[in-house]
Amino acid sequence: MENIIQILIISIIQGIAEFIPVSSSAHINLLSNIFNYEKIEMAINVSAHFGSLVAVLFYFNKEIYDFTKNKNLFYKAIIASMPIFIIGYILIELNVISGLRTLEIMGWTTIIFGILLYFSDKFKIKLKMKNNFTFKNALIIGFYQTLALIPGVSRSGIIITGARFLKFDRVDAAKISFLLSIPSLGAWSLYGFFNLIKQNDQILNISSILTAFLSFIFSYITIKYFLIYLGKFNLNLFVIYRLILGTILLTVVYLQ
């Protein structure tokens, strides 16, 4: 039963936090600290990310199936993803990222990048992804995305922040984030599956299948309703949430 609850919590966090401007790593580490969870199994982690990948592919299936019409868009997504692939690989090989996974760092990054999100959302000019997502803008946003390698920053959060600083419309900034999640989630899933095979760990079991399915459900719902939300409201709710979450993380750190 405890394993089921852990799978449900991880699936909810991954499904929601992957696509809105909050940090999934900050939530998972906070809950692990509160509930004394052991280190999350690699198979569960990979399955959760794979579920999110399937959800975004499913949501944008028309654009993906009509690749010939949208191929330039996907080329831009690859270009935008190259910085995080290269820098991420180097940092993983140097074992730098694991050293940054502390509640203190995640607390500060959650607050600092929440404030940046607030200021980025003040731009009124509304550029559209269809007409203004150039190769230059894709590369700039790609370098913004590398900051997501720091735990607590949030991949979707920093991409939306970067896109808003470039004066993209809120909804289209989120769509750019969703588009760039495809290569990122795909790369992470392949990397995870490769490591599971290398370690002779079991990839397909009831827990991993359930995690992928639940993550898919929560991811799909989040994508759909987050876009609807952004069509009507600003990002202040997420800024406030990040400030509260960051404060809680730092309180846990400094009062221990």
Protein backbone atom coordinates (compact mmCIF):
# COMPACT_ATOMS: atom_id res chain seq x y z
CA MET A 1 0.00 0.00 0.00
CA GLU A 2 2.84 2.38 0.87
CA ASN A 3 4.40 1.73 -2.55
CA ILE A 4 1.09 2.54 -4.27
CA ILE A 5 0.83 5.85 -2.39
CA GLN A 6 4.42 6.73 -3.31
CA ILE A 7 3.76 5.92 -6.97
CA LEU A 8 0.60 8.07 -6.92
CA ILE A 9 2.43 11.03 -5.35
CA ILE A 10 5.36 10.80 -7.78
CA SER A 11 2.99 10.51 -10.75
CA ILE A 12 0.99 13.54 -9.65
CA ILE A 13 4.11 15.65 -9.07
CA GLN A 14 5.70 14.61 -12.37
CA GLY A 15 2.47 15.00 -14.35
CA ILE A 16 1.71 18.46 -13.00
CA ALA A 17 5.10 20.01 -12.26
CA GLU A 18 6.66 18.95 -15.58
CA PHE A 19 4.43 21.35 -17.49
CA ILE A 20 3.69 24.26 -15.15
CA PRO A 21 6.33 26.74 -13.90
CA VAL A 22 7.11 25.01 -10.59
CA SER A 23 9.83 22.52 -9.77
CA SER A 24 9.10 18.79 -9.65
CA SER A 25 12.49 18.06 -8.03
CA ALA A 26 11.77 20.52 -5.22
CA HIS A 27 8.41 18.87 -4.50
CA ILE A 28 9.78 15.33 -4.59
CA ASN A 29 12.70 16.17 -2.31
CA LEU A 30 10.44 18.00 0.14
CA LEU A 31 8.00 15.09 0.31
CA SER A 32 10.88 12.63 0.63
CA ASN A 33 12.11 14.68 3.58
CA ILE A 34 8.67 14.82 5.20
CA PHE A 35 7.64 11.19 4.65
CA ASN A 36 11.15 9.72 4.92
CA TYR A 37 10.94 8.13 1.49
CA GLU A 38 13.93 6.12 0.46
CA LYS A 39 15.67 7.03 -2.78
CA ILE A 40 13.15 6.72 -5.59
CA GLU A 41 13.73 3.66 -7.75
CA MET A 42 15.21 4.44 -11.16
CA ALA A 43 12.47 2.40 -12.90
CA ILE A 44 9.75 4.51 -11.22
CA ASN A 45 11.51 7.77 -12.09
CA VAL A 46 12.00 6.75 -15.73
CA SER A 47 8.41 5.50 -16.01
CA ALA A 48 7.04 8.79 -14.67
CA HIS A 49 9.00 10.80 -17.26
CA PHE A 50 8.00 8.39 -20.02
CA GLY A 51 4.34 8.85 -19.11
CA SER A 52 4.74 12.62 -19.47
CA LEU A 53 6.45 12.14 -22.84
CA VAL A 54 3.56 10.03 -24.17
CA ALA A 55 1.07 12.63 -22.90
CA VAL A 56 2.67 15.56 -24.74
CA LEU A 57 3.05 13.45 -27.91
CA PHE A 58 -0.59 12.45 -27.66
CA TYR A 59 -1.76 16.03 -27.06
CA PHE A 60 0.16 17.38 -30.06
CA ASN A 61 -0.42 14.32 -32.24
CA LYS A 62 -1.78 16.32 -35.19
CA GLU A 63 1.33 18.52 -35.34
CA ILE A 64 3.59 15.49 -35.00
CA TYR A 65 1.79 13.36 -37.59
CA ASP A 66 1.87 16.27 -40.04
CA PHE A 67 5.66 16.46 -39.74
CA THR A 68 6.23 17.67 -43.32
CA LYS A 69 4.16 20.76 -42.60
CA ASN A 70 5.79 21.45 -39.23
CA LYS A 71 9.30 20.11 -39.78
CA ASN A 72 10.95 23.53 -39.34
CA LEU A 73 9.30 23.80 -35.93
CA PHE A 74 10.76 20.48 -34.85
CA TYR A 75 14.18 21.41 -36.22
CA LYS A 76 14.03 24.49 -34.00
CA ALA A 77 13.09 22.29 -31.05
CA ILE A 78 16.19 20.17 -31.65
CA ILE A 79 18.41 23.25 -31.91
CA ALA A 80 16.90 24.68 -28.72
CA SER A 81 17.58 21.37 -26.96
CA MET A 82 21.24 21.05 -27.97
CA PRO A 83 22.62 23.34 -25.21
CA ILE A 84 20.96 21.38 -22.39
CA PHE A 85 21.97 18.05 -23.98
CA ILE A 86 25.63 19.06 -24.24
CA ILE A 87 25.95 20.91 -20.92
CA GLY A 88 23.77 18.33 -19.13
CA TYR A 89 25.93 15.45 -20.36
CA ILE A 90 29.10 17.21 -19.20
CA LEU A 91 27.65 17.99 -15.74
CA ILE A 92 26.35 14.43 -15.32
CA GLU A 93 29.74 12.97 -16.28
CA LEU A 94 31.44 15.31 -13.80
CA ASN A 95 28.84 14.35 -11.16
CA VAL A 96 28.06 18.02 -10.54
CA ILE A 97 24.25 17.94 -10.57
CA SER A 98 23.90 15.41 -7.74
CA GLY A 99 25.84 17.78 -5.50
CA LEU A 100 23.29 20.53 -6.14
CA ARG A 101 20.31 18.43 -5.02
CA THR A 102 19.96 19.98 -1.59
CA LEU A 103 16.86 21.52 -0.04
CA GLU A 104 18.77 24.76 0.56
CA ILE A 105 19.73 25.23 -3.09
CA MET A 106 16.25 24.24 -4.28
CA GLY A 107 14.67 26.65 -1.79
CA TRP A 108 16.68 29.60 -3.07
CA THR A 109 16.31 28.71 -6.75
CA THR A 110 12.55 28.25 -6.33
CA ILE A 111 12.28 31.78 -4.91
CA ILE A 112 14.78 33.53 -7.20
CA PHE A 113 13.42 32.06 -10.43
CA GLY A 114 9.87 32.67 -9.22
CA ILE A 115 10.74 36.38 -8.99
CA LEU A 116 12.24 36.26 -12.50
CA LEU A 117 9.03 34.65 -13.74
CA TYR A 118 7.06 37.55 -12.23
CA PHE A 119 9.11 40.21 -14.02
CA SER A 120 9.12 38.31 -17.32
CA ASP A 121 5.33 38.17 -17.26
CA LYS A 122 5.07 41.97 -17.30
CA PHE A 123 5.86 42.21 -21.02
CA LYS A 124 2.76 43.23 -22.96
CA ILE A 125 3.93 42.64 -26.55
CA LYS A 126 2.46 39.38 -27.78
CA LEU A 127 4.65 37.51 -30.24
CA LYS A 128 3.34 34.24 -31.65
CA MET A 129 5.15 30.93 -31.95
CA LYS A 130 3.88 30.44 -35.50
CA ASN A 131 5.44 33.63 -36.86
CA ASN A 132 8.15 34.64 -34.38
CA PHE A 133 9.75 31.43 -33.12
CA THR A 134 12.87 31.87 -35.23
CA PHE A 135 16.04 29.77 -35.09
CA LYS A 136 17.68 32.65 -33.18
CA ASN A 137 14.88 32.76 -30.58
CA ALA A 138 14.97 28.96 -30.34
CA LEU A 139 18.69 29.02 -29.53
CA ILE A 140 18.26 31.82 -26.97
CA ILE A 141 15.47 29.90 -25.24
CA GLY A 142 17.66 26.80 -25.43
CA PHE A 143 20.33 28.53 -23.36
CA TYR A 144 17.68 29.62 -20.86
CA GLN A 145 16.67 25.96 -20.62
CA THR A 146 20.15 24.93 -19.47
CA LEU A 147 19.45 26.71 -16.18
CA ALA A 148 16.89 23.95 -15.49
CA LEU A 149 19.87 21.67 -14.79
CA ILE A 150 20.03 23.44 -11.42
CA PRO A 151 17.51 21.67 -9.14
CA GLY A 152 14.55 23.86 -8.21
CA VAL A 153 14.67 26.07 -11.31
CA SER A 154 11.96 24.16 -13.27
CA ARG A 155 12.43 23.37 -16.95
CA SER A 156 9.00 24.64 -17.97
CA GLY A 157 9.36 27.64 -15.67
CA ILE A 158 12.64 28.86 -17.13
CA ILE A 159 11.49 28.29 -20.73
CA ILE A 160 8.29 30.27 -20.10
CA THR A 161 10.37 32.96 -18.38
CA GLY A 162 12.78 33.15 -21.31
CA ALA A 163 9.98 33.21 -23.86
CA ARG A 164 8.16 35.96 -21.96
CA PHE A 165 11.37 38.02 -21.77
CA LEU A 166 11.49 37.64 -25.56
CA LYS A 167 7.92 39.03 -25.53
CA PHE A 168 6.04 35.90 -26.54
CA ASP A 169 2.37 35.54 -25.70
CA ARG A 170 1.76 33.55 -22.47
CA VAL A 171 -0.05 30.68 -24.22
CA ASP A 172 2.60 30.43 -26.91
CA ALA A 173 5.37 30.59 -24.30
CA ALA A 174 3.78 27.53 -22.69
CA LYS A 175 3.46 25.81 -26.08
CA ILE A 176 7.17 26.38 -26.69
CA SER A 177 7.81 24.79 -23.31
CA PHE A 178 5.66 21.79 -24.25
CA LEU A 179 7.41 21.48 -27.62
CA LEU A 180 10.85 21.50 -26.00
CA SER A 181 9.73 18.92 -23.45
CA ILE A 182 9.56 16.30 -26.23
CA PRO A 183 13.33 16.02 -26.89
CA SER A 184 14.13 16.54 -23.18
CA LEU A 185 11.74 13.86 -21.95
CA GLY A 186 12.71 11.60 -24.82
CA ALA A 187 16.41 11.91 -24.03
CA TRP A 188 15.83 11.39 -20.30
CA SER A 189 13.66 8.31 -20.95
CA LEU A 190 16.26 6.78 -23.30
CA TYR A 191 19.06 7.55 -20.85
CA GLY A 192 17.06 6.00 -18.02
CA PHE A 193 16.12 2.88 -19.97
CA PHE A 194 19.74 2.45 -21.05
CA ASN A 195 20.93 2.62 -17.44
CA LEU A 196 18.27 0.16 -16.32
CA ILE A 197 19.37 -2.30 -18.98
CA LYS A 198 23.02 -1.74 -18.08
CA GLN A 199 22.26 -2.42 -14.41
CA ASN A 200 20.13 -5.46 -15.33
CA ASP A 201 17.17 -3.88 -13.53
CA GLN A 202 13.66 -4.94 -14.41
CA ILE A 203 12.07 -2.33 -16.67
CA LEU A 204 8.54 -3.67 -17.05
CA ASN A 205 6.72 -4.47 -13.84
CA ILE A 206 3.38 -3.52 -12.31
CA SER A 207 4.84 -0.53 -10.46
CA SER A 208 6.54 1.00 -13.52
CA ILE A 209 3.51 0.44 -15.77
CA LEU A 210 1.17 1.99 -13.18
CA THR A 211 3.54 4.94 -12.74
CA ALA A 212 3.71 5.58 -16.50
CA PHE A 213 -0.08 5.36 -16.85
CA LEU A 214 -0.82 7.71 -13.93
CA SER A 215 1.87 10.15 -15.05
CA PHE A 216 0.32 10.15 -18.55
CA ILE A 217 -3.14 10.97 -17.14
CA PHE A 218 -1.98 13.80 -14.89
CA SER A 219 0.34 15.19 -17.58
CA TYR A 220 -2.38 15.27 -20.24
CA ILE A 221 -4.86 16.98 -17.90
CA THR A 222 -2.23 19.54 -16.88
CA ILE A 223 -1.29 20.42 -20.47
CA LYS A 224 -4.93 20.88 -21.47
CA TYR A 225 -6.04 23.03 -18.55
CA PHE A 226 -2.82 24.99 -18.13
CA LEU A 227 -3.25 26.34 -21.67
CA ILE A 228 -6.87 27.24 -20.91
CA TYR A 229 -5.75 28.98 -17.69
CA LEU A 230 -3.07 31.03 -19.47
CA GLY A 231 -5.62 32.20 -22.01
CA LYS A 232 -7.47 33.95 -19.19
CA PHE A 233 -5.02 34.73 -16.39
CA ASN A 234 -1.43 35.82 -15.73
CA LEU A 235 1.32 33.83 -14.00
CA ASN A 236 1.04 35.48 -10.57
CA LEU A 237 -0.53 32.38 -9.00
CA PHE A 238 2.56 30.34 -9.84
CA VAL A 239 4.89 33.12 -8.64
CA ILE A 240 3.13 33.22 -5.27
CA TYR A 241 3.20 29.43 -5.06
CA ARG A 242 6.94 29.34 -5.76
CA LEU A 243 7.61 31.96 -3.08
CA ILE A 244 5.62 29.95 -0.54
CA LEU A 245 7.25 26.65 -1.55
CA GLY A 246 10.75 28.17 -1.46
CA THR A 247 10.07 29.64 1.98
CA ILE A 248 8.89 26.24 3.25
CA LEU A 249 12.01 24.55 1.86
CA LEU A 250 14.32 27.08 3.50
CA THR A 251 12.38 26.86 6.78
CA VAL A 252 12.88 23.08 6.79
CA VAL A 253 16.61 23.60 6.14
CA TYR A 254 17.37 26.33 8.65
CA LEU A 255 15.13 25.11 11.49
CA GLN A 256 16.43 21.53 11.48
